[in-house]
């Protein structure tokens, strides 16, 4: 049995990206142990999984449908003897919050979208390092080609990931349309939050910027207020991607 890794991530495309990365871990680092991955998608399920114990590494998004994973860290689940090492996914945190996360036991902060090689280096290093140590994480370079920027030049891996994302956009579109019909700003914010990193990973920075702007707009929308515009252009772009499969 390999090292047990718990991924706390509600976005199916990001979870798939991690799964694909772990498939390539032995080729990337022959000294890295085999990894057995378990994925949970909510704070509630994460608490239940962590209570079982036996994890060597936890990778977690901060924002989950039922709360922030930071509450798990506040409970001391990354501290103390026998606690697993933690990696946190984030679209960006302020320096003060970064310090708080480190104090609560986070070994590495990965900025979404994280390049494949940075993810593999971080996982391999943390599985080898002693508990409590921190690992410097390379930041993604501003490269145009997403295959090289995020997938280490592996075109087949990129194509597989992108194909899965295009299929899952149907769910994103359905959730987004439902949120607009219900006037639910927070539900629409969650859809936009998940899309912004995924769209960058598949080489769609323009749509990613639209998703980020929509997330910001929904964050600042009071409950019950009319929803600002922004979803329809993003939805149109997502639908266009689904109708335009992999480029040559």
Protein backbone atom coordinates (compact mmCIF):
# COMPACT_ATOMS: atom_id res chain seq x y z
CA UNK A 1 0.00 0.00 0.00
CA UNK A 2 1.34 3.42 -0.92
CA UNK A 3 1.41 6.74 0.87
CA UNK A 4 -2.16 7.84 1.57
CA UNK A 5 -2.97 11.24 0.09
CA UNK A 6 -6.23 13.08 0.79
CA UNK A 7 -7.39 15.64 -1.77
CA UNK A 8 -10.03 18.09 -0.52
CA UNK A 9 -11.35 19.69 -3.70
CA UNK A 10 -14.91 20.20 -4.96
CA UNK A 11 -13.94 21.10 -8.52
CA UNK A 12 -13.93 17.90 -10.59
CA UNK A 13 -11.50 19.28 -13.17
CA UNK A 14 -8.89 20.27 -10.59
CA UNK A 15 -9.30 16.88 -8.91
CA UNK A 16 -8.75 15.21 -12.28
CA UNK A 17 -5.64 17.33 -12.84
CA UNK A 18 -4.18 16.07 -9.54
CA UNK A 19 -5.08 12.48 -10.40
CA UNK A 20 -3.36 12.76 -13.78
CA UNK A 21 -0.32 14.32 -12.11
CA UNK A 22 -0.04 11.47 -9.62
CA UNK A 23 -0.17 8.95 -12.45
CA UNK A 24 3.06 10.48 -13.70
CA UNK A 25 4.78 10.76 -10.31
CA UNK A 26 6.90 7.56 -10.63
CA UNK A 27 8.28 8.72 -14.00
CA UNK A 28 8.93 12.20 -12.62
CA UNK A 29 10.71 11.02 -9.46
CA UNK A 30 11.76 7.39 -9.16
CA UNK A 31 12.38 7.83 -5.42
CA UNK A 32 8.83 8.99 -4.70
CA UNK A 33 6.56 6.41 -3.06
CA UNK A 34 3.44 5.10 -4.70
CA UNK A 35 0.42 7.22 -3.75
CA UNK A 36 -3.10 6.07 -2.93
CA UNK A 37 -5.40 9.05 -3.56
CA UNK A 38 -8.75 9.68 -1.90
CA UNK A 39 -10.87 12.66 -3.00
CA UNK A 40 -13.50 14.40 -0.86
CA UNK A 41 -15.52 17.38 -1.99
CA UNK A 42 -16.82 19.03 1.18
CA UNK A 43 -15.73 20.21 4.59
CA UNK A 44 -17.98 17.64 6.24
CA UNK A 45 -16.49 14.72 4.32
CA UNK A 46 -12.98 16.06 4.91
CA UNK A 47 -13.53 16.08 8.67
CA UNK A 48 -14.77 12.49 8.54
CA UNK A 49 -11.81 11.36 6.45
CA UNK A 50 -9.26 13.15 8.63
CA UNK A 51 -10.81 11.62 11.74
CA UNK A 52 -9.93 8.18 10.38
CA UNK A 53 -6.21 9.08 10.43
CA UNK A 54 -3.40 7.45 8.52
CA UNK A 55 -2.84 10.21 5.95
CA UNK A 56 0.69 11.12 4.89
CA UNK A 57 -0.29 14.19 2.85
CA UNK A 58 -3.34 16.42 2.49
CA UNK A 59 -3.89 18.74 -0.48
CA UNK A 60 -6.78 21.12 0.01
CA UNK A 61 -8.58 23.95 -1.69
CA UNK A 62 -9.46 26.73 0.73
CA UNK A 63 -13.01 27.46 -0.42
CA UNK A 64 -15.45 24.55 -0.26
CA UNK A 65 -19.23 24.45 -0.73
CA UNK A 66 -19.93 24.17 3.01
CA UNK A 67 -17.18 26.39 4.39
CA UNK A 68 -13.47 27.14 4.41
CA UNK A 69 -10.83 24.47 4.84
CA UNK A 70 -9.03 26.99 7.01
CA UNK A 71 -11.37 25.89 9.82
CA UNK A 72 -9.73 22.45 9.68
CA UNK A 73 -6.35 24.06 10.10
CA UNK A 74 -7.65 26.22 12.94
CA UNK A 75 -8.64 22.98 14.68
CA UNK A 76 -4.99 21.93 14.63
CA UNK A 77 -5.35 19.10 12.11
CA UNK A 78 -2.03 19.98 10.46
CA UNK A 79 -0.18 20.35 13.77
CA UNK A 80 1.03 17.96 16.42
CA UNK A 81 2.69 14.61 16.40
CA UNK A 82 1.53 12.34 13.60
CA UNK A 83 -0.36 15.08 11.74
CA UNK A 84 -0.14 14.80 7.93
CA UNK A 85 1.67 17.43 5.94
CA UNK A 86 -0.66 19.92 4.28
CA UNK A 87 -0.56 21.64 0.90
CA UNK A 88 -3.09 24.39 0.24
CA UNK A 89 -4.39 25.39 -3.18
CA UNK A 90 -5.21 29.06 -3.49
CA UNK A 91 -5.80 31.59 -6.22
CA UNK A 92 -3.70 33.97 -4.14
CA UNK A 93 -3.49 34.98 -0.49
CA UNK A 94 -2.29 38.11 1.26
CA UNK A 95 0.99 37.91 3.16
CA UNK A 96 -0.75 38.08 6.54
CA UNK A 97 -3.02 35.17 5.70
CA UNK A 98 -0.07 33.24 4.28
CA UNK A 99 1.70 33.62 7.62
CA UNK A 100 -1.40 32.40 9.46
CA UNK A 101 -1.65 29.32 7.25
CA UNK A 102 2.02 28.55 7.82
CA UNK A 103 1.60 28.93 11.58
CA UNK A 104 -1.28 26.46 11.42
CA UNK A 105 0.92 23.83 9.83
CA UNK A 106 0.66 24.36 6.07
CA UNK A 107 3.88 23.11 4.50
CA UNK A 108 3.35 24.54 1.01
CA UNK A 109 1.04 27.01 -0.71
CA UNK A 110 0.36 26.36 -4.39
CA UNK A 111 -1.11 29.17 -6.41
CA UNK A 112 -3.91 28.06 -8.74
CA UNK A 113 -3.43 27.08 -11.48
CA UNK A 114 -0.30 25.21 -10.47
CA UNK A 115 1.99 23.85 -13.21
CA UNK A 116 2.26 20.08 -13.35
CA UNK A 117 5.97 19.96 -12.54
CA UNK A 118 5.56 22.26 -9.53
CA UNK A 119 2.80 20.01 -8.19
CA UNK A 120 4.88 16.86 -8.72
CA UNK A 121 7.98 18.41 -7.14
CA UNK A 122 5.97 19.52 -4.12
CA UNK A 123 4.28 16.16 -3.57
CA UNK A 124 7.50 14.18 -4.01
CA UNK A 125 9.46 16.49 -1.72
CA UNK A 126 6.86 16.51 1.05
CA UNK A 127 6.50 12.75 1.02
CA UNK A 128 10.26 12.49 1.57
CA UNK A 129 10.69 15.32 4.05
CA UNK A 130 10.32 15.06 7.80
CA UNK A 131 7.04 16.35 9.34
CA UNK A 132 6.89 20.08 9.84
CA UNK A 133 9.37 21.00 7.14
CA UNK A 134 8.42 23.44 4.44
CA UNK A 135 9.11 23.23 0.74
CA UNK A 136 9.74 26.22 -1.52
CA UNK A 137 7.25 26.09 -4.38
CA UNK A 138 8.14 27.47 -7.80
CA UNK A 139 5.61 29.97 -9.08
CA UNK A 140 4.14 29.58 -12.56
CA UNK A 141 5.82 31.53 -15.31
CA UNK A 142 3.89 33.76 -17.65
CA UNK A 143 3.97 31.42 -20.64
CA UNK A 144 1.49 31.45 -23.49
CA UNK A 145 1.49 27.71 -24.21
CA UNK A 146 -0.51 25.91 -21.48
CA UNK A 147 1.01 22.55 -22.46
CA UNK A 148 4.45 23.75 -21.37
CA UNK A 149 3.25 26.16 -18.69
CA UNK A 150 1.14 23.69 -16.75
CA UNK A 151 1.69 20.16 -18.09
CA UNK A 152 5.46 19.92 -18.42
CA UNK A 153 5.20 19.76 -22.21
CA UNK A 154 3.08 16.60 -22.13
CA UNK A 155 0.58 17.20 -24.93
CA UNK A 156 -1.29 13.92 -24.42
CA UNK A 157 -1.84 14.73 -20.75
CA UNK A 158 -3.08 18.23 -21.63
CA UNK A 159 -5.44 16.87 -24.29
CA UNK A 160 -6.88 14.32 -21.87
CA UNK A 161 -7.41 16.95 -19.18
CA UNK A 162 -8.93 19.46 -21.59
CA UNK A 163 -11.31 16.85 -23.00
CA UNK A 164 -12.56 16.06 -19.49
CA UNK A 165 -13.01 19.76 -18.75
CA UNK A 166 -15.07 20.30 -21.90
CA UNK A 167 -17.40 17.49 -20.85
CA UNK A 168 -17.77 18.88 -17.32
CA UNK A 169 -18.56 22.36 -18.61
CA UNK A 170 -22.09 21.03 -19.21
CA UNK A 171 -22.50 20.77 -15.43
CA UNK A 172 -20.95 24.20 -14.89
CA UNK A 173 -23.35 25.71 -17.41
CA UNK A 174 -26.34 24.05 -15.79
CA UNK A 175 -25.29 25.22 -12.32
CA UNK A 176 -24.62 28.74 -13.55
CA UNK A 177 -27.96 29.06 -15.34
CA UNK A 178 -29.77 27.70 -12.27
CA UNK A 179 -28.00 30.21 -10.03
CA UNK A 180 -28.98 33.10 -12.32
CA UNK A 181 -32.61 31.96 -12.43
CA UNK A 182 -32.65 31.72 -8.62
CA UNK A 183 -30.84 35.05 -8.20
CA UNK A 184 -28.28 33.21 -6.07
CA UNK A 185 -25.08 35.27 -6.07
CA UNK A 186 -23.16 32.88 -3.82
CA UNK A 187 -23.95 29.85 -5.99
CA UNK A 188 -22.83 31.75 -9.09
CA UNK A 189 -19.68 32.87 -7.26
CA UNK A 190 -18.80 29.23 -6.55
CA UNK A 191 -19.23 28.33 -10.22
CA UNK A 192 -16.99 31.21 -11.30
CA UNK A 193 -14.41 30.40 -8.63
CA UNK A 194 -14.00 26.85 -9.94
CA UNK A 195 -13.87 27.92 -13.56
CA UNK A 196 -11.16 30.58 -13.32
CA UNK A 197 -8.28 28.18 -12.58
CA UNK A 198 -9.53 25.46 -14.92
CA UNK A 199 -9.79 27.89 -17.83
CA UNK A 200 -6.22 29.03 -17.27
CA UNK A 201 -5.00 25.43 -17.20
CA UNK A 202 -6.56 24.72 -20.60
CA UNK A 203 -5.15 27.89 -22.14
CA UNK A 204 -8.15 30.22 -22.04
CA UNK A 205 -6.86 33.28 -20.13
CA UNK A 206 -9.58 35.56 -21.51
CA UNK A 207 -12.40 33.38 -20.23
CA UNK A 208 -10.49 32.88 -16.98
CA UNK A 209 -10.39 36.66 -16.53
CA UNK A 210 -14.15 36.79 -17.14
CA UNK A 211 -14.69 34.11 -14.50
CA UNK A 212 -12.52 36.01 -12.02
CA UNK A 213 -14.40 39.25 -12.68
CA UNK A 214 -17.71 37.43 -12.24
CA UNK A 215 -16.54 35.92 -8.96
CA UNK A 216 -15.53 39.37 -7.69
CA UNK A 217 -18.86 40.85 -8.75
CA UNK A 218 -20.86 38.10 -7.01
CA UNK A 219 -18.75 38.43 -3.86
CA UNK A 220 -19.76 42.08 -3.62
CA UNK A 221 -23.45 41.48 -4.37
CA UNK A 222 -25.65 41.77 -1.24
CA UNK A 223 -28.19 38.99 -0.62
CA UNK A 224 -31.42 39.63 -2.51
CA UNK A 225 -29.89 42.27 -4.79
CA UNK A 226 -30.15 41.91 -8.58
CA UNK A 227 -27.24 39.97 -10.05
CA UNK A 228 -24.73 42.05 -12.01
CA UNK A 229 -24.15 41.04 -15.64
CA UNK A 230 -21.28 38.76 -16.52
CA UNK A 231 -22.59 35.22 -16.61
CA UNK A 232 -24.04 35.23 -20.13
CA UNK A 233 -20.76 36.17 -21.91
CA UNK A 234 -18.88 33.56 -19.87
CA UNK A 235 -21.54 30.92 -20.58
CA UNK A 236 -21.38 31.76 -24.28
CA UNK A 237 -17.61 31.27 -24.19
CA UNK A 238 -17.89 27.93 -22.39
CA UNK A 239 -20.46 26.69 -24.87
CA UNK A 240 -18.19 27.77 -27.71
CA UNK A 241 -15.35 25.71 -26.27
CA UNK A 242 -17.59 22.66 -26.03
CA UNK A 243 -18.53 23.06 -29.69
CA UNK A 244 -14.88 23.56 -30.69
CA UNK A 245 -13.01 20.40 -29.63
CA UNK A 246 -9.26 19.98 -29.34
CA UNK A 247 -7.22 22.17 -31.61
CA UNK A 248 -4.56 20.63 -33.78
